[in-house]
Amino acid sequence: MSVFAPLLSTVLPLVYVAYIFLLGAVVPDFVYPYFFLDVNAIGYGGVAVWILILLAVFLALGYLMWLYNKLIRVNGKWKLDFSKNPPAREEPIG
């Protein structure tokens, strides 16, 4: 798993947000699918705050998964391995 994978995984949700904003601007009486995207109710500032909060949470979860992917067991001890070619695991995690 690449170190950039958590960042790249946020691209599609951000494209979705842009799509919803475009629909909200073009379609009259558009009903927003989620409360945190409803610019009529909470304004653009409120939507921006919600997007930043959700982006931070998803990035934190993504990087926790990235760290978990780097976890290996060597001589009975768990350690993080950031080398390009990690050794084979002694036993599966879990």
N, C-alpha and C. Protein backbone atom coordinates (compact mmCIF):
# COMPACT_ATOMS: atom_id res chain seq x y z
N MET A 1 0.85 -1.18 0.00
CA MET A 1 0.00 0.00 0.00
C MET A 1 0.89 1.23 0.00
N SER A 2 0.66 2.11 -0.91
CA SER A 2 1.46 3.32 -1.06
C SER A 2 1.13 4.33 0.04
N VAL A 3 2.10 5.16 0.37
CA VAL A 3 1.88 6.21 1.36
C VAL A 3 0.87 7.25 0.85
N PHE A 4 0.69 7.30 -0.45
CA PHE A 4 -0.26 8.25 -1.04
C PHE A 4 -1.67 7.69 -1.19
N ALA A 5 -1.87 6.42 -0.91
CA ALA A 5 -3.18 5.79 -1.08
C ALA A 5 -4.28 6.46 -0.24
N PRO A 6 -4.03 6.81 1.03
CA PRO A 6 -5.10 7.51 1.77
C PRO A 6 -5.46 8.86 1.16
N LEU A 7 -4.48 9.57 0.62
CA LEU A 7 -4.77 10.84 -0.05
C LEU A 7 -5.58 10.63 -1.32
N LEU A 8 -5.19 9.63 -2.10
CA LEU A 8 -5.90 9.36 -3.35
C LEU A 8 -7.32 8.87 -3.11
N SER A 9 -7.54 8.22 -1.97
CA SER A 9 -8.88 7.71 -1.68
C SER A 9 -9.87 8.82 -1.36
N THR A 10 -9.40 10.04 -1.14
CA THR A 10 -10.30 11.16 -0.87
C THR A 10 -10.73 11.89 -2.14
N VAL A 11 -10.14 11.55 -3.26
CA VAL A 11 -10.45 12.25 -4.51
C VAL A 11 -11.91 12.03 -4.92
N LEU A 12 -12.36 10.79 -4.92
CA LEU A 12 -13.73 10.50 -5.36
C LEU A 12 -14.79 11.17 -4.47
N PRO A 13 -14.67 11.13 -3.14
CA PRO A 13 -15.66 11.86 -2.34
C PRO A 13 -15.65 13.37 -2.60
N LEU A 14 -14.48 13.95 -2.85
CA LEU A 14 -14.42 15.38 -3.14
C LEU A 14 -15.04 15.70 -4.50
N VAL A 15 -14.90 14.81 -5.46
CA VAL A 15 -15.56 14.97 -6.76
C VAL A 15 -17.07 14.90 -6.56
N TYR A 16 -17.53 14.01 -5.69
CA TYR A 16 -18.95 13.90 -5.38
C TYR A 16 -19.48 15.20 -4.77
N VAL A 17 -18.73 15.79 -3.85
CA VAL A 17 -19.13 17.06 -3.24
C VAL A 17 -19.24 18.15 -4.31
N ALA A 18 -18.28 18.21 -5.22
CA ALA A 18 -18.34 19.19 -6.30
C ALA A 18 -19.57 18.95 -7.18
N TYR A 19 -19.89 17.70 -7.44
CA TYR A 19 -21.06 17.35 -8.25
C TYR A 19 -22.35 17.80 -7.55
N ILE A 20 -22.44 17.58 -6.25
CA ILE A 20 -23.63 17.99 -5.50
C ILE A 20 -23.76 19.51 -5.49
N PHE A 21 -22.64 20.22 -5.34
CA PHE A 21 -22.68 21.69 -5.39
C PHE A 21 -23.15 22.16 -6.76
N LEU A 22 -22.70 21.51 -7.81
CA LEU A 22 -23.11 21.87 -9.17
C LEU A 22 -24.61 21.62 -9.35
N LEU A 23 -25.09 20.48 -8.88
CA LEU A 23 -26.52 20.21 -8.96
C LEU A 23 -27.33 21.23 -8.17
N GLY A 24 -26.84 21.58 -6.98
CA GLY A 24 -27.53 22.55 -6.15
C GLY A 24 -27.61 23.92 -6.79
N ALA A 25 -26.61 24.26 -7.59
CA ALA A 25 -26.58 25.56 -8.25
C ALA A 25 -27.45 25.57 -9.51
N VAL A 26 -27.61 24.43 -10.16
CA VAL A 26 -28.31 24.38 -11.44
C VAL A 26 -29.78 23.98 -11.30
N VAL A 27 -30.06 23.03 -10.44
CA VAL A 27 -31.42 22.49 -10.32
C VAL A 27 -32.21 23.32 -9.30
N PRO A 28 -33.33 23.89 -9.72
CA PRO A 28 -34.15 24.64 -8.75
C PRO A 28 -34.80 23.69 -7.74
N ASP A 29 -34.91 24.13 -6.50
CA ASP A 29 -35.49 23.35 -5.40
C ASP A 29 -34.79 22.01 -5.21
N PHE A 30 -33.49 22.01 -5.38
CA PHE A 30 -32.70 20.78 -5.20
C PHE A 30 -32.69 20.40 -3.73
N VAL A 31 -32.91 19.12 -3.44
CA VAL A 31 -32.86 18.60 -2.08
C VAL A 31 -31.50 17.93 -1.88
N TYR A 32 -30.71 18.48 -0.97
CA TYR A 32 -29.37 17.94 -0.73
C TYR A 32 -29.48 16.58 -0.04
N PRO A 33 -28.63 15.63 -0.42
CA PRO A 33 -28.75 14.27 0.11
C PRO A 33 -28.33 14.12 1.57
N TYR A 34 -27.49 15.02 2.07
CA TYR A 34 -26.99 14.92 3.44
C TYR A 34 -27.05 16.31 4.08
N PHE A 35 -27.26 16.33 5.40
CA PHE A 35 -27.39 17.62 6.09
C PHE A 35 -26.09 18.42 6.02
N PHE A 36 -24.95 17.75 6.01
CA PHE A 36 -23.67 18.46 6.01
C PHE A 36 -23.31 19.02 4.63
N LEU A 37 -24.10 18.72 3.61
CA LEU A 37 -23.90 19.30 2.28
C LEU A 37 -24.96 20.35 1.94
N ASP A 38 -25.91 20.56 2.82
CA ASP A 38 -27.03 21.47 2.55
C ASP A 38 -26.60 22.92 2.78
N VAL A 39 -26.22 23.60 1.71
CA VAL A 39 -25.76 25.00 1.83
C VAL A 39 -26.92 25.93 2.16
N ASN A 40 -28.14 25.54 1.87
CA ASN A 40 -29.29 26.37 2.22
C ASN A 40 -29.51 26.39 3.73
N ALA A 41 -29.18 25.32 4.41
CA ALA A 41 -29.42 25.21 5.86
C ALA A 41 -28.23 25.73 6.68
N ILE A 42 -27.01 25.34 6.30
CA ILE A 42 -25.84 25.69 7.13
C ILE A 42 -24.87 26.63 6.44
N GLY A 43 -25.11 26.98 5.21
CA GLY A 43 -24.24 27.92 4.49
C GLY A 43 -22.96 27.25 3.98
N TYR A 44 -22.25 27.99 3.14
CA TYR A 44 -21.02 27.45 2.56
C TYR A 44 -19.94 27.26 3.62
N GLY A 45 -19.91 28.15 4.61
CA GLY A 45 -18.94 28.01 5.68
C GLY A 45 -19.17 26.75 6.50
N GLY A 46 -20.42 26.47 6.82
CA GLY A 46 -20.75 25.25 7.56
C GLY A 46 -20.43 24.00 6.78
N VAL A 47 -20.72 24.04 5.48
CA VAL A 47 -20.40 22.89 4.63
C VAL A 47 -18.89 22.69 4.56
N ALA A 48 -18.14 23.78 4.45
CA ALA A 48 -16.68 23.68 4.40
C ALA A 48 -16.12 23.08 5.69
N VAL A 49 -16.67 23.49 6.83
CA VAL A 49 -16.22 22.93 8.11
C VAL A 49 -16.50 21.42 8.16
N TRP A 50 -17.70 21.01 7.75
CA TRP A 50 -18.04 19.59 7.75
C TRP A 50 -17.14 18.80 6.80
N ILE A 51 -16.86 19.36 5.64
CA ILE A 51 -16.00 18.66 4.68
C ILE A 51 -14.59 18.50 5.26
N LEU A 52 -14.07 19.54 5.90
CA LEU A 52 -12.74 19.44 6.50
C LEU A 52 -12.71 18.43 7.64
N ILE A 53 -13.76 18.39 8.46
CA ILE A 53 -13.81 17.41 9.55
C ILE A 53 -13.83 15.99 8.98
N LEU A 54 -14.70 15.75 8.01
CA LEU A 54 -14.80 14.41 7.43
C LEU A 54 -13.52 14.03 6.69
N LEU A 55 -12.91 14.98 6.02
CA LEU A 55 -11.65 14.72 5.33
C LEU A 55 -10.56 14.33 6.33
N ALA A 56 -10.48 15.03 7.45
CA ALA A 56 -9.49 14.71 8.49
C ALA A 56 -9.73 13.32 9.07
N VAL A 57 -10.99 12.98 9.33
CA VAL A 57 -11.31 11.66 9.89
C VAL A 57 -10.94 10.56 8.91
N PHE A 58 -11.31 10.72 7.64
CA PHE A 58 -11.01 9.69 6.65
C PHE A 58 -9.51 9.56 6.40
N LEU A 59 -8.79 10.68 6.41
CA LEU A 59 -7.34 10.60 6.25
C LEU A 59 -6.69 9.91 7.45
N ALA A 60 -7.16 10.21 8.66
CA ALA A 60 -6.62 9.55 9.85
C ALA A 60 -6.87 8.04 9.79
N LEU A 61 -8.08 7.64 9.43
CA LEU A 61 -8.38 6.21 9.29
C LEU A 61 -7.54 5.56 8.19
N GLY A 62 -7.37 6.27 7.09
CA GLY A 62 -6.56 5.74 5.98
C GLY A 62 -5.11 5.54 6.38
N TYR A 63 -4.55 6.49 7.13
CA TYR A 63 -3.16 6.33 7.55
C TYR A 63 -3.01 5.31 8.67
N LEU A 64 -4.04 5.10 9.48
CA LEU A 64 -3.99 4.00 10.45
C LEU A 64 -3.98 2.66 9.73
N MET A 65 -4.76 2.55 8.66
CA MET A 65 -4.74 1.32 7.86
C MET A 65 -3.38 1.15 7.17
N TRP A 66 -2.79 2.25 6.73
CA TRP A 66 -1.47 2.19 6.10
C TRP A 66 -0.44 1.69 7.11
N LEU A 67 -0.49 2.19 8.35
CA LEU A 67 0.43 1.71 9.39
C LEU A 67 0.18 0.24 9.69
N TYR A 68 -1.07 -0.16 9.76
CA TYR A 68 -1.40 -1.57 10.00
C TYR A 68 -0.82 -2.45 8.90
N ASN A 69 -0.82 -1.96 7.68
CA ASN A 69 -0.26 -2.70 6.55
C ASN A 69 1.25 -2.88 6.71
N LYS A 70 1.91 -1.98 7.42
CA LYS A 70 3.36 -2.06 7.62
C LYS A 70 3.75 -2.90 8.83
N LEU A 71 2.77 -3.39 9.58
CA LEU A 71 3.03 -4.15 10.79
C LEU A 71 3.43 -5.57 10.45
N ILE A 72 4.58 -6.02 10.98
CA ILE A 72 5.04 -7.39 10.77
C ILE A 72 5.49 -7.97 12.11
N ARG A 73 5.64 -9.28 12.15
CA ARG A 73 6.11 -9.95 13.35
C ARG A 73 7.46 -10.56 13.05
N VAL A 74 8.47 -10.16 13.82
CA VAL A 74 9.82 -10.67 13.66
C VAL A 74 10.28 -11.21 15.00
N ASN A 75 10.67 -12.48 15.04
CA ASN A 75 11.12 -13.14 16.26
C ASN A 75 10.12 -12.98 17.40
N GLY A 76 8.86 -13.12 17.10
CA GLY A 76 7.82 -13.04 18.11
C GLY A 76 7.45 -11.64 18.56
N LYS A 77 8.05 -10.61 17.98
CA LYS A 77 7.75 -9.23 18.36
C LYS A 77 7.17 -8.49 17.16
N TRP A 78 6.19 -7.62 17.44
CA TRP A 78 5.58 -6.81 16.39
C TRP A 78 6.42 -5.57 16.16
N LYS A 79 6.61 -5.22 14.90
CA LYS A 79 7.32 -3.99 14.57
C LYS A 79 6.81 -3.45 13.24
N LEU A 80 7.10 -2.20 12.99
CA LEU A 80 6.74 -1.57 11.72
C LEU A 80 7.90 -1.70 10.76
N ASP A 81 7.60 -2.10 9.54
CA ASP A 81 8.64 -2.27 8.53
C ASP A 81 8.31 -1.37 7.35
N PHE A 82 9.15 -0.37 7.11
CA PHE A 82 8.93 0.57 6.02
C PHE A 82 9.82 0.30 4.82
N SER A 83 10.44 -0.88 4.76
CA SER A 83 11.28 -1.21 3.61
C SER A 83 10.41 -1.48 2.39
N LYS A 84 11.02 -1.42 1.22
CA LYS A 84 10.28 -1.62 -0.03
C LYS A 84 9.81 -3.07 -0.16
N ASN A 85 10.63 -4.04 0.26
CA ASN A 85 10.31 -5.45 0.14
C ASN A 85 10.28 -6.07 1.53
N PRO A 86 9.13 -6.03 2.20
CA PRO A 86 9.08 -6.59 3.55
C PRO A 86 9.25 -8.11 3.52
N PRO A 87 9.85 -8.67 4.58
CA PRO A 87 9.99 -10.13 4.62
C PRO A 87 8.62 -10.79 4.79
N ALA A 88 8.59 -12.08 4.48
CA ALA A 88 7.34 -12.82 4.64
C ALA A 88 6.95 -12.85 6.11
N ARG A 89 5.66 -12.78 6.38
CA ARG A 89 5.17 -12.80 7.75
C ARG A 89 5.32 -14.19 8.35
N GLU A 90 5.65 -14.22 9.64
CA GLU A 90 5.75 -15.51 10.32
C GLU A 90 4.38 -16.14 10.50
N GLU A 91 3.38 -15.30 10.82
CA GLU A 91 2.02 -15.78 11.01
C GLU A 91 1.07 -14.65 10.64
N PRO A 92 -0.14 -14.97 10.24
CA PRO A 92 -1.06 -13.91 9.86
C PRO A 92 -1.48 -13.07 11.07
N ILE A 93 -1.75 -11.81 10.81
CA ILE A 93 -2.22 -10.90 11.86
C ILE A 93 -3.69 -11.17 12.08
N GLY A 94 -4.07 -11.22 13.33
CA GLY A 94 -5.50 -11.35 13.61
C GLY A 94 -5.88 -12.53 14.36
